[in-house]
PDB file of N, CA and C in Angstrom:
ATOM      1  N   MET A   1     123.468  92.456 112.505  1.00  0.00           N
ATOM      2  CA  MET A   1     122.925  92.226 113.967  1.00  0.00           C
ATOM      3  C   MET A   1     124.141  92.080 114.811  1.00  0.00           C
ATOM      4  N   ALA A   2     124.810  92.481 115.670  1.00  0.00           N
ATOM      5  CA  ALA A   2     125.821  91.986 116.500  1.00  0.00           C
ATOM      6  C   ALA A   2     125.408  90.679 117.138  1.00  0.00           C
ATOM      7  N   PRO A   3     126.660  90.215 117.367  1.00  0.00           N
ATOM      8  CA  PRO A   3     126.002  88.679 118.013  1.00  0.00           C
ATOM      9  C   PRO A   3     125.641  88.607 119.469  1.00  0.00           C
ATOM     10  N   ASP A   4     124.758  87.930 119.903  1.00  0.00           N
ATOM     11  CA  ASP A   4     124.363  88.094 121.198  1.00  0.00           C
ATOM     12  C   ASP A   4     125.497  87.523 122.310  1.00  0.00           C
ATOM     13  N   HIS A   5     126.130  88.082 123.113  1.00  0.00           N
ATOM     14  CA  HIS A   5     127.111  87.735 123.733  1.00  0.00           C
ATOM     15  C   HIS A   5     126.865  88.112 125.387  1.00  0.00           C
ATOM     16  N   GLN A   6     127.505  87.598 126.308  1.00  0.00           N
ATOM     17  CA  GLN A   6     127.578  87.689 127.646  1.00  0.00           C
ATOM     18  C   GLN A   6     128.682  88.846 127.831  1.00  0.00           C
ATOM     19  N   THR A   7     128.530  89.822 128.457  1.00  0.00           N
ATOM     20  CA  THR A   7     129.528  90.887 128.700  1.00  0.00           C
ATOM     21  C   THR A   7     129.627  90.392 130.444  1.00  0.00           C
ATOM     22  N   ALA A   8     130.949  90.477 130.573  1.00  0.00           N
ATOM     23  CA  ALA A   8     131.925  90.227 131.817  1.00  0.00           C
ATOM     24  C   ALA A   8     131.101  91.348 132.932  1.00  0.00           C
ATOM     25  N   PRO A   9     130.825  91.236 134.010  1.00  0.00           N
ATOM     26  CA  PRO A   9     130.324  92.405 135.045  1.00  0.00           C
ATOM     27  C   PRO A   9     131.558  93.288 135.166  1.00  0.00           C
ATOM     28  N   THR A  10     131.099  94.294 135.073  1.00  0.00           N
ATOM     29  CA  THR A  10     132.414  95.443 135.312  1.00  0.00           C
ATOM     30  C   THR A  10     132.190  96.038 136.625  1.00  0.00           C
ATOM     31  N   PRO A  11     132.942  96.899 137.434  1.00  0.00           N
ATOM     32  CA  PRO A  11     133.000  97.164 138.506  1.00  0.00           C
ATOM     33  C   PRO A  11     131.742  98.309 138.626  1.00  0.00           C
ATOM     34  N   SER A  12     131.176  98.765 137.445  1.00  0.00           N
ATOM     35  CA  SER A  12     130.060  99.581 137.707  1.00  0.00           C
ATOM     36  C   SER A  12     128.836  99.058 137.316  1.00  0.00           C
ATOM     37  N   SER A  13     128.918  97.565 136.991  1.00  0.00           N
ATOM     38  CA  SER A  13     127.816  96.900 136.703  1.00  0.00           C
ATOM     39  C   SER A  13     127.284  96.172 138.002  1.00  0.00           C
ATOM     40  N   THR A  14     126.117  96.106 138.096  1.00  0.00           N
ATOM     41  CA  THR A  14     125.523  95.271 139.533  1.00  0.00           C
ATOM     42  C   THR A  14     124.248  94.319 138.931  1.00  0.00           C
ATOM     43  N   PRO A  15     124.144  93.285 139.659  1.00  0.00           N
ATOM     44  CA  PRO A  15     123.632  92.269 139.369  1.00  0.00           C
ATOM     45  C   PRO A  15     122.066  92.863 138.907  1.00  0.00           C
ATOM     46  N   ASP A  16     121.593  93.873 139.137  1.00  0.00           N
ATOM     47  CA  ASP A  16     120.204  94.252 138.938  1.00  0.00           C
ATOM     48  C   ASP A  16     120.446  94.624 137.201  1.00  0.00           C
ATOM     49  N   LYS A  17     121.560  95.704 137.119  1.00  0.00           N
ATOM     50  CA  LYS A  17     121.779  96.161 135.797  1.00  0.00           C
ATOM     51  C   LYS A  17     121.811  95.016 134.639  1.00  0.00           C
ATOM     52  N   ASP A  18     122.587  93.894 135.322  1.00  0.00           N
ATOM     53  CA  ASP A  18     123.131  92.464 134.322  1.00  0.00           C
ATOM     54  C   ASP A  18     121.779  91.743 134.047  1.00  0.00           C
ATOM     55  N   GLN A  19     120.612  91.865 135.003  1.00  0.00           N
ATOM     56  CA  GLN A  19     119.563  91.183 135.006  1.00  0.00           C
ATOM     57  C   GLN A  19     118.768  91.996 133.858  1.00  0.00           C
ATOM     58  N   GLU A  20     118.722  93.204 134.110  1.00  0.00           N
ATOM     59  CA  GLU A  20     118.026  94.350 133.084  1.00  0.00           C
ATOM     60  C   GLU A  20     118.584  94.086 131.629  1.00  0.00           C
ATOM     61  N   ILE A  21     119.908  94.102 131.568  1.00  0.00           N
ATOM     62  CA  ILE A  21     120.446  93.839 130.059  1.00  0.00           C
ATOM     63  C   ILE A  21     119.811  92.672 129.845  1.00  0.00           C
ATOM     64  N   SER A  22     119.971  91.589 130.650  1.00  0.00           N
ATOM     65  CA  SER A  22     119.647  90.198 130.364  1.00  0.00           C
ATOM     66  C   SER A  22     118.101  89.981 129.701  1.00  0.00           C
ATOM     67  N   GLN A  23     117.200  90.831 130.333  1.00  0.00           N
ATOM     68  CA  GLN A  23     115.867  90.974 130.010  1.00  0.00           C
ATOM     69  C   GLN A  23     115.642  91.610 128.726  1.00  0.00           C
ATOM     70  N   LEU A  24     116.409  92.869 128.721  1.00  0.00           N
ATOM     71  CA  LEU A  24     116.483  93.443 127.462  1.00  0.00           C
ATOM     72  C   LEU A  24     116.522  92.880 125.836  1.00  0.00           C
ATOM     73  N   ARG A  25     117.740  91.976 126.211  1.00  0.00           N
ATOM     74  CA  ARG A  25     118.444  91.250 125.220  1.00  0.00           C
ATOM     75  C   ARG A  25     117.203  90.059 124.974  1.00  0.00           C
ATOM     76  N   GLN A  26     116.457  89.628 125.913  1.00  0.00           N
ATOM     77  CA  GLN A  26     115.744  88.647 125.574  1.00  0.00           C
ATOM     78  C   GLN A  26     114.482  89.299 124.858  1.00  0.00           C
ATOM     79  N   GLN A  27     113.995  90.636 125.367  1.00  0.00           N
ATOM     80  CA  GLN A  27     112.875  91.437 124.856  1.00  0.00           C
ATOM     81  C   GLN A  27     113.236  91.464 123.327  1.00  0.00           C
ATOM     82  N   LEU A  28     114.625  91.866 123.113  1.00  0.00           N
ATOM     83  CA  LEU A  28     114.801  92.092 121.779  1.00  0.00           C
ATOM     84  C   LEU A  28     114.867  90.894 120.901  1.00  0.00           C
ATOM     85  N   ALA A  29     115.143  89.574 121.552  1.00  0.00           N
ATOM     86  CA  ALA A  29     115.001  88.681 120.478  1.00  0.00           C
ATOM     87  C   ALA A  29     113.693  88.236 120.210  1.00  0.00           C
ATOM     88  N   THR A  30     112.716  88.508 121.112  1.00  0.00           N
ATOM     89  CA  THR A  30     111.346  88.344 120.919  1.00  0.00           C
ATOM     90  C   THR A  30     110.578  89.280 119.978  1.00  0.00           C
ATOM     91  N   LEU A  31     111.210  90.418 120.030  1.00  0.00           N
ATOM     92  CA  LEU A  31     110.653  91.350 119.013  1.00  0.00           C
ATOM     93  C   LEU A  31     111.150  91.135 117.417  1.00  0.00           C
ATOM     94  N   GLN A  32     112.473  90.473 117.570  1.00  0.00           N
ATOM     95  CA  GLN A  32     112.950  90.131 116.400  1.00  0.00           C
ATOM     96  C   GLN A  32     112.105  89.058 115.816  1.00  0.00           C
ATOM     97  N   ALA A  33     111.639  88.004 116.583  1.00  0.00           N
ATOM     98  CA  ALA A  33     110.981  87.098 116.089  1.00  0.00           C
ATOM     99  C   ALA A  33     109.624  87.437 115.608  1.00  0.00           C
ATOM    100  N   GLN A  34     109.009  88.249 116.423  1.00  0.00           N
ATOM    101  CA  GLN A  34     107.597  88.428 115.874  1.00  0.00           C
ATOM    102  C   GLN A  34     107.728  89.334 114.860  1.00  0.00           C
ATOM    103  N   TYR A  35     108.778  89.977 114.589  1.00  0.00           N
ATOM    104  CA  TYR A  35     108.893  91.109 113.301  1.00  0.00           C
ATOM    105  C   TYR A  35     108.987  89.883 112.028  1.00  0.00           C
ATOM    106  N   ALA A  36     109.845  89.107 112.179  1.00  0.00           N
ATOM    107  CA  ALA A  36     109.999  88.111 111.244  1.00  0.00           C
ATOM    108  C   ALA A  36     108.609  87.594 110.843  1.00  0.00           C
ATOM    109  N   THR A  37     108.023  87.041 111.796  1.00  0.00           N
ATOM    110  CA  THR A  37     106.296  86.614 111.892  1.00  0.00           C
ATOM    111  C   THR A  37     105.565  87.469 110.863  1.00  0.00           C
ATOM    112  N   LEU A  38     105.823  88.465 111.269  1.00  0.00           N
ATOM    113  CA  LEU A  38     104.682  89.424 110.728  1.00  0.00           C
ATOM    114  C   LEU A  38     105.296  89.882 109.420  1.00  0.00           C
ATOM    115  N   GLU A  39     106.416  89.592 109.093  1.00  0.00           N
ATOM    116  CA  GLU A  39     107.126  90.216 107.618  1.00  0.00           C
ATOM    117  C   GLU A  39     106.751  88.608 106.658  1.00  0.00           C
ATOM    118  N   ALA A  40     106.748  87.385 107.404  1.00  0.00           N
ATOM    119  CA  ALA A  40     106.191  86.392 106.633  1.00  0.00           C
ATOM    120  C   ALA A  40     104.800  86.543 106.616  1.00  0.00           C
ATOM    121  N   LEU A  41     104.032  86.704 107.199  1.00  0.00           N
ATOM    122  CA  LEU A  41     102.293  87.024 107.232  1.00  0.00           C
ATOM    123  C   LEU A  41     102.312  87.990 106.206  1.00  0.00           C
ATOM    124  N   GLN A  42     102.586  89.391 106.046  1.00  0.00           N
ATOM    125  CA  GLN A  42     102.798  90.094 105.141  1.00  0.00           C
ATOM    126  C   GLN A  42     103.034  89.742 103.759  1.00  0.00           C
ATOM    127  N   ILE A  43     104.061  88.841 103.694  1.00  0.00           N
ATOM    128  CA  ILE A  43     104.518  88.155 102.081  1.00  0.00           C
ATOM    129  C   ILE A  43     103.433  87.331 101.607  1.00  0.00           C
ATOM    130  N   GLU A  44     103.007  86.637 102.831  1.00  0.00           N
ATOM    131  CA  GLU A  44     101.866  85.543 102.563  1.00  0.00           C
ATOM    132  C   GLU A  44     100.600  86.420 102.008  1.00  0.00           C
ATOM    133  N   ARG A  45     100.141  87.560 102.717  1.00  0.00           N
ATOM    134  CA  ARG A  45      99.083  87.976 102.196  1.00  0.00           C
ATOM    135  C   ARG A  45      99.165  88.558 101.025  1.00  0.00           C
ATOM    136  N   LEU A  46     100.163  89.646 100.460  1.00  0.00           N
ATOM    137  CA  LEU A  46     100.730  90.003  99.654  1.00  0.00           C
ATOM    138  C   LEU A  46     100.495  88.873  98.197  1.00  0.00           C
ATOM    139  N   GLU A  47     100.862  87.604  98.356  1.00  0.00           N
ATOM    140  CA  GLU A  47     100.800  86.648  97.610  1.00  0.00           C
ATOM    141  C   GLU A  47      99.284  86.266  97.290  1.00  0.00           C
ATOM    142  N   GLN A  48      98.421  86.236  98.269  1.00  0.00           N
ATOM    143  CA  GLN A  48      97.440  86.133  98.266  1.00  0.00           C
ATOM    144  C   GLN A  48      96.551  86.903  97.400  1.00  0.00           C
ATOM    145  N   LEU A  49      96.817  88.415  97.581  1.00  0.00           N
ATOM    146  CA  LEU A  49      95.995  89.323  96.961  1.00  0.00           C
ATOM    147  C   LEU A  49      96.516  89.430  95.515  1.00  0.00           C
ATOM    148  N   THR A  50      97.775  89.055  95.212  1.00  0.00           N
ATOM    149  CA  THR A  50      97.935  88.956  93.893  1.00  0.00           C
ATOM    150  C   THR A  50      97.517  87.908  93.004  1.00  0.00           C
ATOM    151  N   THR A  51      97.319  86.767  94.093  1.00  0.00           N
ATOM    152  CA  THR A  51      96.751  85.459  93.245  1.00  0.00           C
ATOM    153  C   THR A  51      95.087  86.068  93.145  1.00  0.00           C
ATOM    154  N   ARG A  52      94.543  86.671  94.228  1.00  0.00           N
ATOM    155  CA  ARG A  52      93.230  86.942  93.715  1.00  0.00           C
ATOM    156  C   ARG A  52      92.762  87.857  92.587  1.00  0.00           C
ATOM    157  N   ARG A  53      93.878  88.998  92.282  1.00  0.00           N
ATOM    158  CA  ARG A  53      93.783  89.694  91.692  1.00  0.00           C
ATOM    159  C   ARG A  53      94.101  88.996  90.231  1.00  0.00           C
ATOM    160  N   ARG A  54      94.671  88.091  90.195  1.00  0.00           N
ATOM    161  CA  ARG A  54      94.939  87.259  89.013  1.00  0.00           C
ATOM    162  C   ARG A  54      93.663  86.470  88.328  1.00  0.00           C
ATOM    163  N   THR A  55      92.976  85.956  89.683  1.00  0.00           N
ATOM    164  CA  THR A  55      91.759  85.393  89.399  1.00  0.00           C
ATOM    165  C   THR A  55      90.555  85.992  89.018  1.00  0.00           C
ATOM    166  N   THR A  56      90.698  87.174  89.603  1.00  0.00           N
ATOM    167  CA  THR A  56      89.506  88.224  89.363  1.00  0.00           C
ATOM    168  C   THR A  56      89.781  88.549  87.715  1.00  0.00           C
ATOM    169  N   THR A  57      91.064  89.152  87.136  1.00  0.00           N
ATOM    170  CA  THR A  57      91.226  89.101  85.688  1.00  0.00           C
ATOM    171  C   THR A  57      90.555  87.926  84.996  1.00  0.00           C
ATOM    172  N   ASN A  58      91.270  86.869  85.180  1.00  0.00           N
ATOM    173  CA  ASN A  58      91.024  85.658  84.636  1.00  0.00           C
ATOM    174  C   ASN A  58      89.557  85.438  84.432  1.00  0.00           C
ATOM    175  N   LEU A  59      88.818  86.030  85.467  1.00  0.00           N
ATOM    176  CA  LEU A  59      87.329  85.396  85.719  1.00  0.00           C
ATOM    177  C   LEU A  59      86.644  86.636  84.853  1.00  0.00           C
ATOM    178  N   SER A  60      87.232  87.992  84.686  1.00  0.00           N
ATOM    179  CA  SER A  60      86.581  88.790  84.050  1.00  0.00           C
ATOM    180  C   SER A  60      86.800  88.392  82.785  1.00  0.00           C
ATOM    181  N   ARG A  61      88.018  87.991  82.019  1.00  0.00           N
ATOM    182  CA  ARG A  61      88.167  87.694  80.793  1.00  0.00           C
ATOM    183  C   ARG A  61      87.389  86.186  80.286  1.00  0.00           C
ATOM    184  N   ALA A  62      87.158  85.194  81.477  1.00  0.00           N
ATOM    185  CA  ALA A  62      86.459  84.378  81.066  1.00  0.00           C
ATOM    186  C   ALA A  62      84.698  84.733  80.851  1.00  0.00           C
ATOM    187  N   PHE A  63      84.298  85.810  81.537  1.00  0.00           N
ATOM    188  CA  PHE A  63      83.246  86.172  81.262  1.00  0.00           C
ATOM    189  C   PHE A  63      82.828  86.810  80.086  1.00  0.00           C
ATOM    190  N   GLU A  64      84.007  87.495  79.726  1.00  0.00           N
ATOM    191  CA  GLU A  64      83.956  88.246  78.643  1.00  0.00           C
ATOM    192  C   GLU A  64      83.985  87.376  77.111  1.00  0.00           C
ATOM    193  N   MET A  65      84.687  86.220  77.233  1.00  0.00           N
ATOM    194  CA  MET A  65      84.793  85.238  76.611  1.00  0.00           C
ATOM    195  C   MET A  65      83.262  84.497  76.260  1.00  0.00           C
ATOM    196  N   ASN A  66      82.853  84.432  77.453  1.00  0.00           N
ATOM    197  CA  ASN A  66      81.572  83.585  77.420  1.00  0.00           C
ATOM    198  C   ASN A  66      80.469  84.641  76.556  1.00  0.00           C
ATOM    199  N   GLU A  67      80.743  85.701  76.906  1.00  0.00           N
ATOM    200  CA  GLU A  67      79.638  86.695  76.272  1.00  0.00           C
ATOM    201  C   GLU A  67      80.177  86.531  74.883  1.00  0.00           C
ATOM    202  N   LEU A  68      81.223  86.649  74.211  1.00  0.00           N
ATOM    203  CA  LEU A  68      81.324  86.746  72.825  1.00  0.00           C
ATOM    204  C   LEU A  68      81.128  85.281  72.302  1.00  0.00           C
ATOM    205  N   LEU A  69      81.362  83.957  73.010  1.00  0.00           N
ATOM    206  CA  LEU A  69      80.889  82.864  72.352  1.00  0.00           C
ATOM    207  C   LEU A  69      79.416  82.971  72.235  1.00  0.00           C
ATOM    208  N   PHE A  70      78.761  83.241  73.296  1.00  0.00           N
ATOM    209  CA  PHE A  70      77.008  83.473  73.196  1.00  0.00           C
ATOM    210  C   PHE A  70      76.613  84.523  72.098  1.00  0.00           C
ATOM    211  N   ASP A  71      77.443  85.467  72.138  1.00  0.00           N
ATOM    212  CA  ASP A  71      77.001  86.176  70.403  1.00  0.00           C
ATOM    213  C   ASP A  71      77.334  85.457  69.390  1.00  0.00           C
ATOM    214  N   LEU A  72      78.454  84.925  69.416  1.00  0.00           N
ATOM    215  CA  LEU A  72      78.754  83.810  68.207  1.00  0.00           C
ATOM    216  C   LEU A  72      77.593  82.771  67.828  1.00  0.00           C
ATOM    217  N   VAL A  73      77.448  82.275  68.830  1.00  0.00           N
ATOM    218  CA  VAL A  73      76.416  81.155  68.731  1.00  0.00           C
ATOM    219  C   VAL A  73      74.986  81.753  68.231  1.00  0.00           C
ATOM    220  N   THR A  74      74.581  83.142  68.792  1.00  0.00           N
ATOM    221  CA  THR A  74      73.490  83.686  68.257  1.00  0.00           C
ATOM    222  C   THR A  74      73.423  83.819  66.925  1.00  0.00           C
ATOM    223  N   VAL A  75      74.648  84.408  66.320  1.00  0.00           N
ATOM    224  CA  VAL A  75      74.716  84.494  65.118  1.00  0.00           C
ATOM    225  C   VAL A  75      74.849  83.072  64.127  1.00  0.00           C
ATOM    226  N   LEU A  76      75.513  82.263  64.575  1.00  0.00           N
ATOM    227  CA  LEU A  76      75.455  81.082  63.968  1.00  0.00           C
ATOM    228  C   LEU A  76      74.083  80.342  63.653  1.00  0.00           C
ATOM    229  N   VAL A  77      73.222  80.516  65.046  1.00  0.00           N
ATOM    230  CA  VAL A  77      71.741  80.002  64.698  1.00  0.00           C
ATOM    231  C   VAL A  77      71.122  80.889  63.966  1.00  0.00           C
ATOM    232  N   ALA A  78      71.004  82.147  63.718  1.00  0.00           N
ATOM    233  CA  ALA A  78      70.079  82.756  62.728  1.00  0.00           C
ATOM    234  C   ALA A  78      70.827  82.782  61.412  1.00  0.00           C
ATOM    235  N   ARG A  79      72.214  82.429  61.199  1.00  0.00           N
ATOM    236  CA  ARG A  79      72.691  81.976  59.860  1.00  0.00           C
ATOM    237  C   ARG A  79      72.156  80.710  59.587  1.00  0.00           C
ATOM    238  N   THR A  80      72.184  79.683  60.519  1.00  0.00           N
ATOM    239  CA  THR A  80      71.833  78.314  60.249  1.00  0.00           C
ATOM    240  C   THR A  80      70.125  78.206  59.871  1.00  0.00           C
ATOM    241  N   LYS A  81      69.440  79.077  60.488  1.00  0.00           N
ATOM    242  CA  LYS A  81      67.848  79.343  60.046  1.00  0.00           C
ATOM    243  C   LYS A  81      67.562  79.697  58.570  1.00  0.00           C
ATOM    244  N   ARG A  82      68.467  80.710  58.340  1.00  0.00           N
ATOM    245  CA  ARG A  82      68.427  81.270  57.185  1.00  0.00           C
ATOM    246  C   ARG A  82      69.070  80.562  56.136  1.00  0.00           C
ATOM    247  N   LEU A  83      70.012  79.724  56.306  1.00  0.00           N
ATOM    248  CA  LEU A  83      70.580  78.866  55.249  1.00  0.00           C
ATOM    249  C   LEU A  83      69.503  77.660  54.848  1.00  0.00           C
ATOM    250  N   LYS A  84      68.531  77.191  55.988  1.00  0.00           N
ATOM    251  CA  LYS A  84      67.717  75.969  56.162  1.00  0.00           C
ATOM    252  C   LYS A  84      66.689  76.544  55.008  1.00  0.00           C
ATOM    253  N   ALA A  85      66.160  77.905  55.319  1.00  0.00           N
ATOM    254  CA  ALA A  85      65.155  78.549  54.316  1.00  0.00           C
ATOM    255  C   ALA A  85      65.479  78.540  53.010  1.00  0.00           C
ATOM    256  N   GLN A  86      66.908  79.090  52.748  1.00  0.00           N
ATOM    257  CA  GLN A  86      67.419  79.123  51.455  1.00  0.00           C
ATOM    258  C   GLN A  86      67.329  77.620  50.865  1.00  0.00           C
ATOM    259  N   LEU A  87      67.445  76.956  51.659  1.00  0.00           N
ATOM    260  CA  LEU A  87      67.840  75.307  51.161  1.00  0.00           C
ATOM    261  C   LEU A  87      66.273  74.684  50.658  1.00  0.00           C
ATOM    262  N   GLN A  88      65.520  75.323  51.828  1.00  0.00           N
ATOM    263  CA  GLN A  88      63.997  74.643  51.470  1.00  0.00           C
ATOM    264  C   GLN A  88      63.518  75.403  50.136  1.00  0.00           C
ATOM    265  N   GLU A  89      63.717  76.833  50.043  1.00  0.00           N
ATOM    266  CA  GLU A  89      63.222  77.302  49.022  1.00  0.00           C
ATOM    267  C   GLU A  89      63.958  77.035  47.495  1.00  0.00           C
ATOM    268  N   ALA A  90      65.210  76.555  47.597  1.00  0.00           N
ATOM    269  CA  ALA A  90      65.637  76.067  46.690  1.00  0.00           C
ATOM    270  C   ALA A  90      65.354  74.632  46.265  1.00  0.00           C
ATOM    271  N   ARG A  91      64.988  73.915  46.991  1.00  0.00           N
ATOM    272  CA  ARG A  91      64.347  72.574  46.864  1.00  0.00           C
ATOM    273  C   ARG A  91      62.849  72.824  46.254  1.00  0.00           C
ATOM    274  N   GLN A  92      62.101  73.795  46.776  1.00  0.00           N
ATOM    275  CA  GLN A  92      61.107  73.912  45.850  1.00  0.00           C
ATOM    276  C   GLN A  92      60.916  74.395  44.613  1.00  0.00           C
ATOM    277  N   TRP A  93      62.210  75.007  44.275  1.00  0.00           N
ATOM    278  CA  TRP A  93      62.517  75.574  43.015  1.00  0.00           C
ATOM    279  C   TRP A  93      62.541  73.835  41.840  1.00  0.00           C
ATOM    280  N   VAL A  94      63.647  73.338  42.578  1.00  0.00           N
ATOM    281  CA  VAL A  94      63.876  72.196  41.829  1.00  0.00           C
ATOM    282  C   VAL A  94      62.653  71.186  41.589  1.00  0.00           C
ATOM    283  N   HIS A  95      61.828  71.086  42.499  1.00  0.00           N
ATOM    284  CA  HIS A  95      60.428  70.293  42.495  1.00  0.00           C
ATOM    285  C   HIS A  95      59.545  71.167  41.559  1.00  0.00           C
TER     286      HIS A  95
END
């Protein structure tokens, strides 16, 4: 972007044109600031969505792990009951 500089009035220039140019420059500066703000908001939103996606993925993995752990505990409980029954049966054979 070219530096913002004042132009000297030329013979074809009038105070109205100079004022219009000044207003246009001011509007351009305002629009550039608004664009920069929108760009920053867009980047922030993208980061939020990325974080949310990671969180959702992590939650999905956590639920899967929870289900696997529940299945494992269920299997371990069944094996423990079976082993207790076998142990009790072995004690009866000893006595």
